[in-house]
Amino acid sequence: LFEGGIALEQLWIFIVGPFAGAALAAGLWCLIGC
């Protein structure tokens, strides 16, 4: 928000990517910690 430019243009990567990774981690934990 303060940097602007490419940081704002590519911000979606750093929202969608981590959320997708978190969902994968939850699934993996359910598999190995049943």
PDB file of all heavy atoms in Angstrom:
ATOM      1  N   LEU A   1       0.820  -1.209   0.000  1.00  0.00           N
ATOM      2  CA  LEU A   1       0.000   0.000   0.000  1.00  0.00           C
ATOM      3  C   LEU A   1       0.852   1.256   0.000  1.00  0.00           C
ATOM      4  O   LEU A   1       0.459   2.294  -0.551  1.00  0.00           O
ATOM      5  CB  LEU A   1      -0.935   0.006   1.213  1.00  0.00           C
ATOM      6  CG  LEU A   1      -2.029  -1.069   1.230  1.00  0.00           C
ATOM      7  CD1 LEU A   1      -2.833  -0.973   2.514  1.00  0.00           C
ATOM      8  CD2 LEU A   1      -2.943  -0.929   0.017  1.00  0.00           C
ATOM      9  N   PHE A   2       2.026   1.183   0.608  1.00  0.00           N
ATOM     10  CA  PHE A   2       2.917   2.340   0.668  1.00  0.00           C
ATOM     11  C   PHE A   2       3.936   2.338  -0.478  1.00  0.00           C
ATOM     12  O   PHE A   2       4.386   3.396  -0.911  1.00  0.00           O
ATOM     13  CB  PHE A   2       3.653   2.370   2.011  1.00  0.00           C
ATOM     14  CG  PHE A   2       2.755   2.667   3.174  1.00  0.00           C
ATOM     15  CD1 PHE A   2       2.097   1.650   3.842  1.00  0.00           C
ATOM     16  CD2 PHE A   2       2.545   3.979   3.586  1.00  0.00           C
ATOM     17  CE1 PHE A   2       1.254   1.916   4.914  1.00  0.00           C
ATOM     18  CE2 PHE A   2       1.698   4.262   4.648  1.00  0.00           C
ATOM     19  CZ  PHE A   2       1.045   3.224   5.311  1.00  0.00           C
ATOM     20  N   GLU A   3       4.284   1.162  -0.954  1.00  0.00           N
ATOM     21  CA  GLU A   3       5.289   1.041  -2.017  1.00  0.00           C
ATOM     22  C   GLU A   3       4.701   1.349  -3.380  1.00  0.00           C
ATOM     23  O   GLU A   3       5.335   1.997  -4.211  1.00  0.00           O
ATOM     24  CB  GLU A   3       5.873  -0.377  -2.022  1.00  0.00           C
ATOM     25  CG  GLU A   3       7.122  -0.528  -2.868  1.00  0.00           C
ATOM     26  CD  GLU A   3       8.331   0.116  -2.215  1.00  0.00           C
ATOM     27  OE1 GLU A   3       8.357   0.213  -0.975  1.00  0.00           O
ATOM     28  OE2 GLU A   3       9.251   0.524  -2.947  1.00  0.00           O
ATOM     29  N   GLY A   4       3.472   0.859  -3.647  1.00  0.00           N
ATOM     30  CA  GLY A   4       2.838   1.088  -4.944  1.00  0.00           C
ATOM     31  C   GLY A   4       3.549   0.333  -6.060  1.00  0.00           C
ATOM     32  O   GLY A   4       4.308  -0.612  -5.816  1.00  0.00           O
ATOM     33  N   GLY A   5       3.345   0.762  -7.283  1.00  0.00           N
ATOM     34  CA  GLY A   5       4.049   0.185  -8.419  1.00  0.00           C
ATOM     35  C   GLY A   5       3.861  -1.311  -8.567  1.00  0.00           C
ATOM     36  O   GLY A   5       2.764  -1.846  -8.431  1.00  0.00           O
ATOM     37  N   ILE A   6       4.970  -1.999  -8.837  1.00  0.00           N
ATOM     38  CA  ILE A   6       4.924  -3.434  -9.075  1.00  0.00           C
ATOM     39  C   ILE A   6       4.463  -4.209  -7.839  1.00  0.00           C
ATOM     40  O   ILE A   6       3.873  -5.283  -7.948  1.00  0.00           O
ATOM     41  CB  ILE A   6       6.312  -3.953  -9.541  1.00  0.00           C
ATOM     42  CG1 ILE A   6       6.189  -5.383 -10.085  1.00  0.00           C
ATOM     43  CG2 ILE A   6       7.332  -3.878  -8.407  1.00  0.00           C
ATOM     44  CD1 ILE A   6       7.472  -5.866 -10.733  1.00  0.00           C
ATOM     45  N   ALA A   7       4.708  -3.655  -6.668  1.00  0.00           N
ATOM     46  CA  ALA A   7       4.275  -4.321  -5.441  1.00  0.00           C
ATOM     47  C   ALA A   7       2.751  -4.445  -5.401  1.00  0.00           C
ATOM     48  O   ALA A   7       2.218  -5.467  -4.964  1.00  0.00           O
ATOM     49  CB  ALA A   7       4.771  -3.550  -4.209  1.00  0.00           C
ATOM     50  N   LEU A   8       2.056  -3.417  -5.852  1.00  0.00           N
ATOM     51  CA  LEU A   8       0.597  -3.473  -5.912  1.00  0.00           C
ATOM     52  C   LEU A   8       0.113  -4.312  -7.086  1.00  0.00           C
ATOM     53  O   LEU A   8      -0.852  -5.073  -6.974  1.00  0.00           O
ATOM     54  CB  LEU A   8       0.008  -2.069  -6.017  1.00  0.00           C
ATOM     55  CG  LEU A   8      -0.264  -1.325  -4.709  1.00  0.00           C
ATOM     56  CD1 LEU A   8      -0.822   0.062  -5.003  1.00  0.00           C
ATOM     57  CD2 LEU A   8      -1.217  -2.100  -3.814  1.00  0.00           C
ATOM     58  N   GLU A   9       0.803  -4.205  -8.219  1.00  0.00           N
ATOM     59  CA  GLU A   9       0.413  -4.954  -9.407  1.00  0.00           C
ATOM     60  C   GLU A   9       0.489  -6.465  -9.157  1.00  0.00           C
ATOM     61  O   GLU A   9      -0.336  -7.229  -9.655  1.00  0.00           O
ATOM     62  CB  GLU A   9       1.317  -4.584 -10.583  1.00  0.00           C
ATOM     63  CG  GLU A   9       1.139  -3.164 -11.087  1.00  0.00           C
ATOM     64  CD  GLU A   9       2.168  -2.791 -12.130  1.00  0.00           C
ATOM     65  OE1 GLU A   9       2.889  -3.703 -12.614  1.00  0.00           O
ATOM     66  OE2 GLU A   9       2.267  -1.599 -12.462  1.00  0.00           O
ATOM     67  N   GLN A  10       1.485  -6.883  -8.404  1.00  0.00           N
ATOM     68  CA  GLN A  10       1.687  -8.309  -8.174  1.00  0.00           C
ATOM     69  C   GLN A  10       1.165  -8.775  -6.813  1.00  0.00           C
ATOM     70  O   GLN A  10       1.386  -9.914  -6.420  1.00  0.00           O
ATOM     71  CB  GLN A  10       3.180  -8.655  -8.294  1.00  0.00           C
ATOM     72  CG  GLN A  10       3.748  -8.403  -9.677  1.00  0.00           C
ATOM     73  CD  GLN A  10       5.197  -8.835  -9.801  1.00  0.00           C
ATOM     74  OE1 GLN A  10       5.859  -9.186  -8.827  1.00  0.00           O
ATOM     75  NE2 GLN A  10       5.703  -8.809 -11.020  1.00  0.00           N
ATOM     76  N   LEU A  11       0.441  -7.915  -6.130  1.00  0.00           N
ATOM     77  CA  LEU A  11      -0.028  -8.245  -4.786  1.00  0.00           C
ATOM     78  C   LEU A  11      -0.889  -9.503  -4.770  1.00  0.00           C
ATOM     79  O   LEU A  11      -0.861 -10.266  -3.800  1.00  0.00           O
ATOM     80  CB  LEU A  11      -0.807  -7.055  -4.203  1.00  0.00           C
ATOM     81  CG  LEU A  11      -1.349  -7.225  -2.781  1.00  0.00           C
ATOM     82  CD1 LEU A  11      -0.220  -7.512  -1.786  1.00  0.00           C
ATOM     83  CD2 LEU A  11      -2.126  -5.979  -2.358  1.00  0.00           C
ATOM     84  N   TRP A  12      -1.654  -9.730  -5.821  1.00  0.00           N
ATOM     85  CA  TRP A  12      -2.533 -10.899  -5.867  1.00  0.00           C
ATOM     86  C   TRP A  12      -1.755 -12.198  -5.668  1.00  0.00           C
ATOM     87  O   TRP A  12      -2.277 -13.155  -5.065  1.00  0.00           O
ATOM     88  CB  TRP A  12      -3.295 -10.941  -7.191  1.00  0.00           C
ATOM     89  CG  TRP A  12      -2.434 -11.208  -8.399  1.00  0.00           C
ATOM     90  CD1 TRP A  12      -1.801 -10.287  -9.171  1.00  0.00           C
ATOM     91  CD2 TRP A  12      -2.132 -12.494  -8.956  1.00  0.00           C
ATOM     92  NE1 TRP A  12      -1.105 -10.899 -10.187  1.00  0.00           N
ATOM     93  CE2 TRP A  12      -1.299 -12.262 -10.077  1.00  0.00           C
ATOM     94  CE3 TRP A  12      -2.477 -13.802  -8.625  1.00  0.00           C
ATOM     95  CZ2 TRP A  12      -0.804 -13.302 -10.867  1.00  0.00           C
ATOM     96  CZ3 TRP A  12      -1.980 -14.840  -9.411  1.00  0.00           C
ATOM     97  CH2 TRP A  12      -1.158 -14.597 -10.517  1.00  0.00           C
ATOM     98  N   ILE A  13      -0.525 -12.237  -6.151  1.00  0.00           N
ATOM     99  CA  ILE A  13       0.309 -13.434  -6.003  1.00  0.00           C
ATOM    100  C   ILE A  13       0.544 -13.746  -4.534  1.00  0.00           C
ATOM    101  O   ILE A  13       0.519 -14.908  -4.113  1.00  0.00           O
ATOM    102  CB  ILE A  13       1.667 -13.237  -6.717  1.00  0.00           C
ATOM    103  CG1 ILE A  13       1.457 -13.056  -8.207  1.00  0.00           C
ATOM    104  CG2 ILE A  13       2.620 -14.406  -6.426  1.00  0.00           C
ATOM    105  CD1 ILE A  13       2.711 -12.642  -8.941  1.00  0.00           C
ATOM    106  N   PHE A  14       0.730 -12.700  -3.758  1.00  0.00           N
ATOM    107  CA  PHE A  14       1.079 -12.857  -2.348  1.00  0.00           C
ATOM    108  C   PHE A  14      -0.149 -12.952  -1.443  1.00  0.00           C
ATOM    109  O   PHE A  14      -0.015 -12.991  -0.222  1.00  0.00           O
ATOM    110  CB  PHE A  14       1.988 -11.703  -1.932  1.00  0.00           C
ATOM    111  CG  PHE A  14       3.205 -11.611  -2.810  1.00  0.00           C
ATOM    112  CD1 PHE A  14       3.271 -10.666  -3.824  1.00  0.00           C
ATOM    113  CD2 PHE A  14       4.233 -12.511  -2.662  1.00  0.00           C
ATOM    114  CE1 PHE A  14       4.379 -10.604  -4.655  1.00  0.00           C
ATOM    115  CE2 PHE A  14       5.347 -12.460  -3.493  1.00  0.00           C
ATOM    116  CZ  PHE A  14       5.423 -11.511  -4.499  1.00  0.00           C
ATOM    117  N   ILE A  15      -1.310 -12.976  -2.062  1.00  0.00           N
ATOM    118  CA  ILE A  15      -2.548 -13.277  -1.352  1.00  0.00           C
ATOM    119  C   ILE A  15      -3.043 -14.664  -1.752  1.00  0.00           C
ATOM    120  O   ILE A  15      -3.253 -15.536  -0.905  1.00  0.00           O
ATOM    121  CB  ILE A  15      -3.632 -12.213  -1.649  1.00  0.00           C
ATOM    122  CG1 ILE A  15      -3.184 -10.839  -1.138  1.00  0.00           C
ATOM    123  CG2 ILE A  15      -4.963 -12.613  -0.999  1.00  0.00           C
ATOM    124  CD1 ILE A  15      -4.138  -9.711  -1.494  1.00  0.00           C
ATOM    125  N   VAL A  16      -3.175 -14.875  -3.050  1.00  0.00           N
ATOM    126  CA  VAL A  16      -3.668 -16.162  -3.556  1.00  0.00           C
ATOM    127  C   VAL A  16      -2.684 -17.294  -3.258  1.00  0.00           C
ATOM    128  O   VAL A  16      -3.081 -18.377  -2.813  1.00  0.00           O
ATOM    129  CB  VAL A  16      -3.941 -16.083  -5.074  1.00  0.00           C
ATOM    130  CG1 VAL A  16      -4.404 -17.440  -5.607  1.00  0.00           C
ATOM    131  CG2 VAL A  16      -4.983 -15.017  -5.380  1.00  0.00           C
ATOM    132  N   GLY A  17      -1.389 -17.042  -3.485  1.00  0.00           N
ATOM    133  CA  GLY A  17      -0.380 -18.074  -3.263  1.00  0.00           C
ATOM    134  C   GLY A  17      -0.351 -18.596  -1.834  1.00  0.00           C
ATOM    135  O   GLY A  17      -0.470 -19.809  -1.609  1.00  0.00           O
ATOM    136  N   PRO A  18      -0.210 -17.728  -0.843  1.00  0.00           N
ATOM    137  CA  PRO A  18      -0.201 -18.190   0.544  1.00  0.00           C
ATOM    138  C   PRO A  18      -1.506 -18.865   0.979  1.00  0.00           C
ATOM    139  O   PRO A  18      -1.481 -19.851   1.712  1.00  0.00           O
ATOM    140  CB  PRO A  18       0.044 -16.903   1.338  1.00  0.00           C
ATOM    141  CG  PRO A  18       0.849 -16.061   0.411  1.00  0.00           C
ATOM    142  CD  PRO A  18       0.244 -16.330  -0.942  1.00  0.00           C
ATOM    143  N   PHE A  19      -2.647 -18.356   0.512  1.00  0.00           N
ATOM    144  CA  PHE A  19      -3.914 -18.999   0.872  1.00  0.00           C
ATOM    145  C   PHE A  19      -4.009 -20.396   0.259  1.00  0.00           C
ATOM    146  O   PHE A  19      -4.497 -21.336   0.898  1.00  0.00           O
ATOM    147  CB  PHE A  19      -5.098 -18.139   0.432  1.00  0.00           C
ATOM    148  CG  PHE A  19      -5.433 -17.032   1.400  1.00  0.00           C
ATOM    149  CD1 PHE A  19      -5.961 -15.831   0.945  1.00  0.00           C
ATOM    150  CD2 PHE A  19      -5.237 -17.182   2.769  1.00  0.00           C
ATOM    151  CE1 PHE A  19      -6.280 -14.805   1.832  1.00  0.00           C
ATOM    152  CE2 PHE A  19      -5.554 -16.172   3.672  1.00  0.00           C
ATOM    153  CZ  PHE A  19      -6.075 -14.975   3.196  1.00  0.00           C
ATOM    154  N   ALA A  20      -3.543 -20.543  -0.979  1.00  0.00           N
ATOM    155  CA  ALA A  20      -3.542 -21.864  -1.608  1.00  0.00           C
ATOM    156  C   ALA A  20      -2.608 -22.805  -0.859  1.00  0.00           C
ATOM    157  O   ALA A  20      -2.925 -23.982  -0.626  1.00  0.00           O
ATOM    158  CB  ALA A  20      -3.125 -21.743  -3.075  1.00  0.00           C
ATOM    159  N   GLY A  21      -1.447 -22.297  -0.461  1.00  0.00           N
ATOM    160  CA  GLY A  21      -0.501 -23.103   0.294  1.00  0.00           C
ATOM    161  C   GLY A  21      -1.047 -23.525   1.646  1.00  0.00           C
ATOM    162  O   GLY A  21      -0.833 -24.658   2.091  1.00  0.00           O
ATOM    163  N   ALA A  22      -1.775 -22.618   2.291  1.00  0.00           N
ATOM    164  CA  ALA A  22      -2.380 -22.933   3.593  1.00  0.00           C
ATOM    165  C   ALA A  22      -3.427 -24.023   3.455  1.00  0.00           C
ATOM    166  O   ALA A  22      -3.526 -24.918   4.305  1.00  0.00           O
ATOM    167  CB  ALA A  22      -3.004 -21.675   4.193  1.00  0.00           C
ATOM    168  N   ALA A  23      -4.222 -23.959   2.389  1.00  0.00           N
ATOM    169  CA  ALA A  23      -5.242 -24.986   2.157  1.00  0.00           C
ATOM    170  C   ALA A  23      -4.587 -26.346   1.915  1.00  0.00           C
ATOM    171  O   ALA A  23      -5.050 -27.377   2.418  1.00  0.00           O
ATOM    172  CB  ALA A  23      -6.111 -24.594   0.969  1.00  0.00           C
ATOM    173  N   LEU A  24      -3.491 -26.358   1.167  1.00  0.00           N
ATOM    174  CA  LEU A  24      -2.759 -27.601   0.931  1.00  0.00           C
ATOM    175  C   LEU A  24      -2.199 -28.160   2.239  1.00  0.00           C
ATOM    176  O   LEU A  24      -2.247 -29.369   2.480  1.00  0.00           O
ATOM    177  CB  LEU A  24      -1.616 -27.363  -0.065  1.00  0.00           C
ATOM    178  CG  LEU A  24      -1.999 -27.193  -1.532  1.00  0.00           C
ATOM    179  CD1 LEU A  24      -0.764 -26.821  -2.343  1.00  0.00           C
ATOM    180  CD2 LEU A  24      -2.629 -28.468  -2.075  1.00  0.00           C
ATOM    181  N   ALA A  25      -1.679 -27.281   3.061  1.00  0.00           N
ATOM    182  CA  ALA A  25      -1.113 -27.710   4.343  1.00  0.00           C
ATOM    183  C   ALA A  25      -2.179 -28.322   5.238  1.00  0.00           C
ATOM    184  O   ALA A  25      -1.932 -29.343   5.904  1.00  0.00           O
ATOM    185  CB  ALA A  25      -0.460 -26.521   5.055  1.00  0.00           C
ATOM    186  N   ALA A  26      -3.366 -27.714   5.255  1.00  0.00           N
ATOM    187  CA  ALA A  26      -4.463 -28.256   6.059  1.00  0.00           C
ATOM    188  C   ALA A  26      -4.831 -29.652   5.585  1.00  0.00           C
ATOM    189  O   ALA A  26      -5.060 -30.560   6.393  1.00  0.00           O
ATOM    190  CB  ALA A  26      -5.675 -27.326   5.987  1.00  0.00           C
ATOM    191  N   GLY A  27      -4.873 -29.841   4.263  1.00  0.00           N
ATOM    192  CA  GLY A  27      -5.175 -31.151   3.715  1.00  0.00           C
ATOM    193  C   GLY A  27      -4.105 -32.174   4.046  1.00  0.00           C
ATOM    194  O   GLY A  27      -4.408 -33.321   4.416  1.00  0.00           O
ATOM    195  N   LEU A  28      -2.850 -31.759   3.944  1.00  0.00           N
ATOM    196  CA  LEU A  28      -1.742 -32.663   4.260  1.00  0.00           C
ATOM    197  C   LEU A  28      -1.748 -33.062   5.729  1.00  0.00           C
ATOM    198  O   LEU A  28      -1.505 -34.227   6.066  1.00  0.00           O
ATOM    199  CB  LEU A  28      -0.403 -31.991   3.913  1.00  0.00           C
ATOM    200  CG  LEU A  28      -0.013 -31.981   2.440  1.00  0.00           C
ATOM    201  CD1 LEU A  28       1.239 -31.131   2.240  1.00  0.00           C
ATOM    202  CD2 LEU A  28       0.238 -33.407   1.945  1.00  0.00           C
ATOM    203  N   TRP A  29      -2.034 -32.088   6.594  1.00  0.00           N
ATOM    204  CA  TRP A  29      -2.046 -32.403   8.020  1.00  0.00           C
ATOM    205  C   TRP A  29      -3.159 -33.380   8.354  1.00  0.00           C
ATOM    206  O   TRP A  29      -2.997 -34.242   9.212  1.00  0.00           O
ATOM    207  CB  TRP A  29      -2.156 -31.141   8.861  1.00  0.00           C
ATOM    208  CG  TRP A  29      -2.156 -31.453  10.336  1.00  0.00           C
ATOM    209  CD1 TRP A  29      -3.158 -31.259  11.223  1.00  0.00           C
ATOM    210  CD2 TRP A  29      -1.088 -32.068  11.059  1.00  0.00           C
ATOM    211  NE1 TRP A  29      -2.790 -31.700  12.473  1.00  0.00           N
ATOM    212  CE2 TRP A  29      -1.511 -32.209  12.401  1.00  0.00           C
ATOM    213  CE3 TRP A  29       0.188 -32.511  10.715  1.00  0.00           C
ATOM    214  CZ2 TRP A  29      -0.713 -32.775  13.392  1.00  0.00           C
ATOM    215  CZ3 TRP A  29       0.982 -33.071  11.701  1.00  0.00           C
ATOM    216  CH2 TRP A  29       0.541 -33.202  13.017  1.00  0.00           C
ATOM    217  N   CYS A  30      -4.274 -33.251   7.679  1.00  0.00           N
ATOM    218  CA  CYS A  30      -5.368 -34.196   7.909  1.00  0.00           C
ATOM    219  C   CYS A  30      -4.994 -35.609   7.445  1.00  0.00           C
ATOM    220  O   CYS A  30      -5.474 -36.594   7.997  1.00  0.00           O
ATOM    221  CB  CYS A  30      -6.636 -33.734   7.200  1.00  0.00           C
ATOM    222  SG  CYS A  30      -7.511 -32.419   8.076  1.00  0.00           S
ATOM    223  N   LEU A  31      -4.136 -35.685   6.437  1.00  0.00           N
ATOM    224  CA  LEU A  31      -3.708 -36.990   5.942  1.00  0.00           C
ATOM    225  C   LEU A  31      -2.705 -37.655   6.886  1.00  0.00           C
ATOM    226  O   LEU A  31      -2.774 -38.862   7.132  1.00  0.00           O
ATOM    227  CB  LEU A  31      -3.077 -36.855   4.547  1.00  0.00           C
ATOM    228  CG  LEU A  31      -4.026 -36.581   3.391  1.00  0.00           C
ATOM    229  CD1 LEU A  31      -3.236 -36.348   2.110  1.00  0.00           C
ATOM    230  CD2 LEU A  31      -5.006 -37.735   3.204  1.00  0.00           C
ATOM    231  N   ILE A  32      -1.781 -36.873   7.410  1.00  0.00           N
ATOM    232  CA  ILE A  32      -0.740 -37.470   8.244  1.00  0.00           C
ATOM    233  C   ILE A  32      -1.060 -37.394   9.736  1.00  0.00           C
ATOM    234  O   ILE A  32      -0.419 -38.071  10.543  1.00  0.00           O
ATOM    235  CB  ILE A  32       0.638 -36.801   7.974  1.00  0.00           C
ATOM    236  CG1 ILE A  32       0.605 -35.314   8.349  1.00  0.00           C
ATOM    237  CG2 ILE A  32       1.042 -36.980   6.528  1.00  0.00           C
ATOM    238  CD1 ILE A  32       1.932 -34.607   8.152  1.00  0.00           C
ATOM    239  N   GLY A  33      -2.060 -36.578  10.097  1.00  0.00           N
ATOM    240  CA  GLY A  33      -2.495 -36.497  11.492  1.00  0.00           C
ATOM    241  C   GLY A  33      -3.971 -36.824  11.543  1.00  0.00           C
ATOM    242  O   GLY A  33      -4.788 -35.965  11.838  1.00  0.00           O
ATOM    243  N   CYS A  34      -4.312 -38.057  11.243  1.00  0.00           N
ATOM    244  CA  CYS A  34      -5.691 -38.440  10.943  1.00  0.00           C
ATOM    245  C   CYS A  34      -6.663 -38.333  12.122  1.00  0.00           C
ATOM    246  O   CYS A  34      -7.854 -38.490  11.941  1.00  0.00           O
ATOM    247  CB  CYS A  34      -5.733 -39.871  10.397  1.00  0.00           C
ATOM    248  SG  CYS A  34      -5.088 -41.105  11.550  1.00  0.00           S
TER     249      CYS A  34
END
